[in-house]
Amino acid sequence: MAGTEKVAMICTKGTLDWAYPPFILGSTAVALDKEVSMFFTFYGLNLLLKDTSKLRVSPAGNPGMPMKLPYGPEWLRKIDWAPKLPNLFMNNMPGFEWAASKMMLQSTKNHGVASVEELREMCQEFEVKFLACQMTVELFGYEHSDFIDGVEFVGASTFFDEAGDASKTMTLYL
């Protein structure tokens, strides 16, 4: 792909809400005719596991998360609950992470947004490179067989090789 613009991303978050940005940005960049490499490290490795059913929204990681209900009576769905419930209460309430995850999944379904698995498969079909940090794989006790097919297990230096001639680099951890 000589002359093709390259994009390199570092993906460090592994929650349901952080699964969407890298795959949406990656598939969009490929659709714009860019070559894309995504380096997954630390908790970002969760996004490459075969089983993503355990991915959850973490309200503690995103205190600015809007809390509008994706279902129920119209008057109840119009309320933004986030400013009405202190973060300390939300983050410590049993079952809140599960409820927030269900709300997000329902909201994405209501709006026709592809699932994490569908977006990930789309990226693979478009030949986005999925690079998993081998050191983190070992650190967390994973086996290569825990991950989807097509993942390359590499050292951090490989990311620098990929990013060295990239026109855009992104770190998805903020």
C-alpha atoms as a PDB file:
ATOM      1  CA  MET A   1       0.000   0.000   0.000  1.00  0.00           C
ATOM      2  CA  ALA A   2       2.746   2.418  -0.994  1.00  0.00           C
ATOM      3  CA  GLY A   3       1.633   6.019  -0.713  1.00  0.00           C
ATOM      4  CA  THR A   4      -1.341   5.146   1.475  1.00  0.00           C
ATOM      5  CA  GLU A   5      -1.810   7.305   4.523  1.00  0.00           C
ATOM      6  CA  LYS A   6      -1.315   5.353   7.770  1.00  0.00           C
ATOM      7  CA  VAL A   7      -3.066   5.619  11.125  1.00  0.00           C
ATOM      8  CA  ALA A   8      -1.683   4.027  14.303  1.00  0.00           C
ATOM      9  CA  MET A   9      -3.708   3.731  17.519  1.00  0.00           C
ATOM     10  CA  ILE A  10      -2.929   2.640  21.067  1.00  0.00           C
ATOM     11  CA  CYS A  11      -5.966   1.087  22.798  1.00  0.00           C
ATOM     12  CA  THR A  12      -5.673   0.751  26.579  1.00  0.00           C
ATOM     13  CA  LYS A  13      -9.286   0.683  27.806  1.00  0.00           C
ATOM     14  CA  GLY A  14     -11.264  -2.539  28.022  1.00  0.00           C
ATOM     15  CA  THR A  15     -14.771  -1.597  29.060  1.00  0.00           C
ATOM     16  CA  LEU A  16     -17.919  -1.752  26.935  1.00  0.00           C
ATOM     17  CA  ASP A  17     -18.095   2.016  26.515  1.00  0.00           C
ATOM     18  CA  TRP A  18     -14.430   2.164  25.459  1.00  0.00           C
ATOM     19  CA  ALA A  19     -14.824  -0.711  22.980  1.00  0.00           C
ATOM     20  CA  TYR A  20     -16.664   1.429  20.450  1.00  0.00           C
ATOM     21  CA  PRO A  21     -14.228   4.314  19.744  1.00  0.00           C
ATOM     22  CA  PRO A  22     -11.254   2.287  18.470  1.00  0.00           C
ATOM     23  CA  PHE A  23     -13.340   0.061  16.214  1.00  0.00           C
ATOM     24  CA  ILE A  24     -15.450   2.946  14.877  1.00  0.00           C
ATOM     25  CA  LEU A  25     -12.362   5.079  14.236  1.00  0.00           C
ATOM     26  CA  GLY A  26     -10.447   2.147  12.753  1.00  0.00           C
ATOM     27  CA  SER A  27     -13.205   1.110  10.342  1.00  0.00           C
ATOM     28  CA  THR A  28     -13.830   4.739   9.377  1.00  0.00           C
ATOM     29  CA  ALA A  29     -10.140   5.338   8.661  1.00  0.00           C
ATOM     30  CA  VAL A  30     -10.025   2.257   6.414  1.00  0.00           C
ATOM     31  CA  ALA A  31     -13.188   3.435   4.633  1.00  0.00           C
ATOM     32  CA  LEU A  32     -11.294   6.694   3.992  1.00  0.00           C
ATOM     33  CA  ASP A  33      -8.549   4.603   2.338  1.00  0.00           C
ATOM     34  CA  LYS A  34      -6.044   4.673   5.200  1.00  0.00           C
ATOM     35  CA  GLU A  35      -3.932   1.775   6.452  1.00  0.00           C
ATOM     36  CA  VAL A  36      -4.693   1.168  10.148  1.00  0.00           C
ATOM     37  CA  SER A  37      -2.740  -0.505  12.957  1.00  0.00           C
ATOM     38  CA  MET A  38      -4.257  -0.832  16.428  1.00  0.00           C
ATOM     39  CA  PHE A  39      -1.961  -1.714  19.353  1.00  0.00           C
ATOM     40  CA  PHE A  40      -3.918  -3.175  22.292  1.00  0.00           C
ATOM     41  CA  THR A  41      -2.239  -3.148  25.671  1.00  0.00           C
ATOM     42  CA  PHE A  42      -3.239  -3.551  29.309  1.00  0.00           C
ATOM     43  CA  TYR A  43      -7.046  -3.536  29.657  1.00  0.00           C
ATOM     44  CA  GLY A  44      -7.461  -2.855  25.947  1.00  0.00           C
ATOM     45  CA  LEU A  45      -6.645  -6.543  25.437  1.00  0.00           C
ATOM     46  CA  ASN A  46     -10.198  -7.293  26.641  1.00  0.00           C
ATOM     47  CA  LEU A  47     -11.453  -6.000  23.292  1.00  0.00           C
ATOM     48  CA  LEU A  48      -9.624  -8.783  21.441  1.00  0.00           C
ATOM     49  CA  LEU A  49     -10.815 -11.672  23.603  1.00  0.00           C
ATOM     50  CA  LYS A  50     -13.071 -14.250  21.975  1.00  0.00           C
ATOM     51  CA  ASP A  51     -15.671 -13.727  24.692  1.00  0.00           C
ATOM     52  CA  THR A  52     -16.736 -10.087  24.997  1.00  0.00           C
ATOM     53  CA  SER A  53     -19.908 -10.868  26.953  1.00  0.00           C
ATOM     54  CA  LYS A  54     -18.221  -9.750  30.176  1.00  0.00           C
ATOM     55  CA  LEU A  55     -17.491  -6.225  28.914  1.00  0.00           C
ATOM     56  CA  ARG A  56     -19.260  -3.696  31.137  1.00  0.00           C
ATOM     57  CA  VAL A  57     -19.655   0.061  31.256  1.00  0.00           C
ATOM     58  CA  SER A  58     -17.646   1.548  34.093  1.00  0.00           C
ATOM     59  CA  PRO A  59     -19.306   4.703  35.415  1.00  0.00           C
ATOM     60  CA  ALA A  60     -16.301   5.188  37.727  1.00  0.00           C
ATOM     61  CA  GLY A  61     -14.111   5.595  34.648  1.00  0.00           C
ATOM     62  CA  ASN A  62     -16.375   8.183  33.066  1.00  0.00           C
ATOM     63  CA  PRO A  63     -18.122  10.531  35.493  1.00  0.00           C
ATOM     64  CA  GLY A  64     -19.449  12.574  32.539  1.00  0.00           C
ATOM     65  CA  MET A  65     -21.509   9.637  31.285  1.00  0.00           C
ATOM     66  CA  PRO A  66     -25.059  10.727  30.430  1.00  0.00           C
ATOM     67  CA  MET A  67     -27.676   8.703  32.221  1.00  0.00           C
ATOM     68  CA  LYS A  68     -30.794   8.849  30.056  1.00  0.00           C
ATOM     69  CA  LEU A  69     -32.910   5.742  29.989  1.00  0.00           C
ATOM     70  CA  PRO A  70     -33.180   4.108  26.529  1.00  0.00           C
ATOM     71  CA  TYR A  71     -36.637   2.683  27.315  1.00  0.00           C
ATOM     72  CA  GLY A  72     -39.661   3.403  29.468  1.00  0.00           C
ATOM     73  CA  PRO A  73     -42.213   6.232  29.442  1.00  0.00           C
ATOM     74  CA  GLU A  74     -41.239   9.325  27.439  1.00  0.00           C
ATOM     75  CA  TRP A  75     -41.310  11.625  30.495  1.00  0.00           C
ATOM     76  CA  LEU A  76     -38.854   9.323  32.307  1.00  0.00           C
ATOM     77  CA  ARG A  77     -36.512   9.002  29.291  1.00  0.00           C
ATOM     78  CA  LYS A  78     -36.148  12.795  29.026  1.00  0.00           C
ATOM     79  CA  ILE A  79     -34.506  13.043  32.453  1.00  0.00           C
ATOM     80  CA  ASP A  80     -30.704  13.105  32.584  1.00  0.00           C
ATOM     81  CA  TRP A  81     -30.109  11.239  35.821  1.00  0.00           C
ATOM     82  CA  ALA A  82     -26.331  11.854  36.019  1.00  0.00           C
ATOM     83  CA  PRO A  83     -26.500  15.331  37.623  1.00  0.00           C
ATOM     84  CA  LYS A  84     -29.158  14.097  40.058  1.00  0.00           C
ATOM     85  CA  LEU A  85     -27.164  11.129  41.384  1.00  0.00           C
ATOM     86  CA  PRO A  86     -23.748  11.818  42.969  1.00  0.00           C
ATOM     87  CA  ASN A  87     -20.873   9.814  41.441  1.00  0.00           C
ATOM     88  CA  LEU A  88     -20.047   8.314  44.833  1.00  0.00           C
ATOM     89  CA  PHE A  89     -23.565   6.880  45.037  1.00  0.00           C
ATOM     90  CA  MET A  90     -23.593   5.595  41.455  1.00  0.00           C
ATOM     91  CA  ASN A  91     -20.164   3.974  41.672  1.00  0.00           C
ATOM     92  CA  ASN A  92     -20.956   2.136  44.887  1.00  0.00           C
ATOM     93  CA  MET A  93     -24.528   1.094  44.170  1.00  0.00           C
ATOM     94  CA  PRO A  94     -24.761  -2.703  43.738  1.00  0.00           C
ATOM     95  CA  GLY A  95     -25.766  -3.645  40.217  1.00  0.00           C
ATOM     96  CA  PHE A  96     -25.169  -0.177  38.787  1.00  0.00           C
ATOM     97  CA  GLU A  97     -22.428  -1.347  36.399  1.00  0.00           C
ATOM     98  CA  TRP A  98     -24.752  -4.085  35.099  1.00  0.00           C
ATOM     99  CA  ALA A  99     -27.642  -1.627  34.704  1.00  0.00           C
ATOM    100  CA  ALA A 100     -25.471   0.967  32.939  1.00  0.00           C
ATOM    101  CA  SER A 101     -24.210  -1.741  30.579  1.00  0.00           C
ATOM    102  CA  LYS A 102     -27.737  -2.912  29.764  1.00  0.00           C
ATOM    103  CA  MET A 103     -28.786   0.696  29.136  1.00  0.00           C
ATOM    104  CA  MET A 104     -25.882   1.262  26.761  1.00  0.00           C
ATOM    105  CA  LEU A 105     -26.513  -1.967  24.845  1.00  0.00           C
ATOM    106  CA  GLN A 106     -30.208  -1.092  24.529  1.00  0.00           C
ATOM    107  CA  SER A 107     -29.396   2.438  23.417  1.00  0.00           C
ATOM    108  CA  THR A 108     -26.965   1.219  20.727  1.00  0.00           C
ATOM    109  CA  LYS A 109     -29.605  -1.251  19.533  1.00  0.00           C
ATOM    110  CA  ASN A 110     -32.299   1.465  19.475  1.00  0.00           C
ATOM    111  CA  HIS A 111     -30.066   3.666  17.324  1.00  0.00           C
ATOM    112  CA  GLY A 112     -28.904   0.934  14.938  1.00  0.00           C
ATOM    113  CA  VAL A 113     -25.281   1.007  16.080  1.00  0.00           C
ATOM    114  CA  ALA A 114     -23.376  -2.177  15.276  1.00  0.00           C
ATOM    115  CA  SER A 115     -22.299  -4.387  18.159  1.00  0.00           C
ATOM    116  CA  VAL A 116     -18.695  -4.467  19.360  1.00  0.00           C
ATOM    117  CA  GLU A 117     -18.278  -7.860  17.721  1.00  0.00           C
ATOM    118  CA  GLU A 118     -19.681  -6.601  14.405  1.00  0.00           C
ATOM    119  CA  LEU A 119     -17.423  -3.537  14.416  1.00  0.00           C
ATOM    120  CA  ARG A 120     -14.409  -5.683  15.295  1.00  0.00           C
ATOM    121  CA  GLU A 121     -15.218  -8.126  12.458  1.00  0.00           C
ATOM    122  CA  MET A 122     -15.644  -5.206  10.057  1.00  0.00           C
ATOM    123  CA  CYS A 123     -12.175  -3.951  10.978  1.00  0.00           C
ATOM    124  CA  GLN A 124     -10.743  -7.406  10.359  1.00  0.00           C
ATOM    125  CA  GLU A 125     -12.494  -7.673   6.992  1.00  0.00           C
ATOM    126  CA  PHE A 126     -10.954  -4.307   6.086  1.00  0.00           C
ATOM    127  CA  GLU A 127      -7.508  -5.671   7.098  1.00  0.00           C
ATOM    128  CA  VAL A 128      -6.955  -3.452  10.123  1.00  0.00           C
ATOM    129  CA  LYS A 129      -3.904  -4.810  11.950  1.00  0.00           C
ATOM    130  CA  PHE A 130      -4.737  -5.944  15.494  1.00  0.00           C
ATOM    131  CA  LEU A 131      -1.499  -5.923  17.493  1.00  0.00           C
ATOM    132  CA  ALA A 132      -1.618  -7.337  21.038  1.00  0.00           C
ATOM    133  CA  CYS A 133       1.136  -6.430  23.486  1.00  0.00           C
ATOM    134  CA  GLN A 134       2.842  -9.742  24.251  1.00  0.00           C
ATOM    135  CA  MET A 135       4.256  -8.453  27.549  1.00  0.00           C
ATOM    136  CA  THR A 136       0.753  -7.574  28.771  1.00  0.00           C
ATOM    137  CA  VAL A 137      -0.624 -10.904  27.543  1.00  0.00           C
ATOM    138  CA  GLU A 138       1.961 -12.639  29.743  1.00  0.00           C
ATOM    139  CA  LEU A 139       1.474 -10.198  32.641  1.00  0.00           C
ATOM    140  CA  PHE A 140      -2.276 -10.891  32.754  1.00  0.00           C
ATOM    141  CA  GLY A 141      -1.852 -14.648  32.297  1.00  0.00           C
ATOM    142  CA  TYR A 142      -3.640 -14.922  28.965  1.00  0.00           C
ATOM    143  CA  GLU A 143      -2.991 -17.595  26.361  1.00  0.00           C
ATOM    144  CA  HIS A 144      -2.927 -16.792  22.639  1.00  0.00           C
ATOM    145  CA  SER A 145      -5.927 -19.109  22.285  1.00  0.00           C
ATOM    146  CA  ASP A 146      -7.997 -16.672  24.428  1.00  0.00           C
ATOM    147  CA  PHE A 147      -7.962 -14.167  21.562  1.00  0.00           C
ATOM    148  CA  ILE A 148      -9.805 -13.954  18.246  1.00  0.00           C
ATOM    149  CA  ASP A 149      -8.045 -15.167  15.122  1.00  0.00           C
ATOM    150  CA  GLY A 150      -5.883 -12.701  13.233  1.00  0.00           C
ATOM    151  CA  VAL A 151      -4.275 -11.021  16.238  1.00  0.00           C
ATOM    152  CA  GLU A 152      -0.513 -10.478  16.025  1.00  0.00           C
ATOM    153  CA  PHE A 153       1.340 -10.769  19.344  1.00  0.00           C
ATOM    154  CA  VAL A 154       4.136  -8.210  19.342  1.00  0.00           C
ATOM    155  CA  GLY A 155       6.396  -6.122  21.529  1.00  0.00           C
ATOM    156  CA  ALA A 156       5.971  -2.416  22.113  1.00  0.00           C
ATOM    157  CA  SER A 157       8.718  -1.677  19.597  1.00  0.00           C
ATOM    158  CA  THR A 158       6.395  -2.915  16.839  1.00  0.00           C
ATOM    159  CA  PHE A 159       4.002  -0.088  17.632  1.00  0.00           C
ATOM    160  CA  PHE A 160       6.836   2.410  17.126  1.00  0.00           C
ATOM    161  CA  ASP A 161       7.612   0.806  13.771  1.00  0.00           C
ATOM    162  CA  GLU A 162       3.938   1.136  12.787  1.00  0.00           C
ATOM    163  CA  ALA A 163       3.631   4.678  14.121  1.00  0.00           C
ATOM    164  CA  GLY A 164       6.965   5.802  12.672  1.00  0.00           C
ATOM    165  CA  ASP A 165       5.582   6.339   9.194  1.00  0.00           C
ATOM    166  CA  ALA A 166       1.976   6.993  10.218  1.00  0.00           C
ATOM    167  CA  SER A 167       0.477  10.346   9.362  1.00  0.00           C
ATOM    168  CA  LYS A 168      -1.873  10.112  12.357  1.00  0.00           C
ATOM    169  CA  THR A 169      -1.380   8.526  15.762  1.00  0.00           C
ATOM    170  CA  MET A 170      -4.076   8.220  18.418  1.00  0.00           C
ATOM    171  CA  THR A 171      -4.026   7.124  22.009  1.00  0.00           C
ATOM    172  CA  LEU A 172      -7.432   5.995  23.218  1.00  0.00           C
ATOM    173  CA  TYR A 173      -7.173   6.207  26.992  1.00  0.00           C
ATOM    174  CA  LEU A 174      -8.460   9.593  28.082  1.00  0.00           C
END
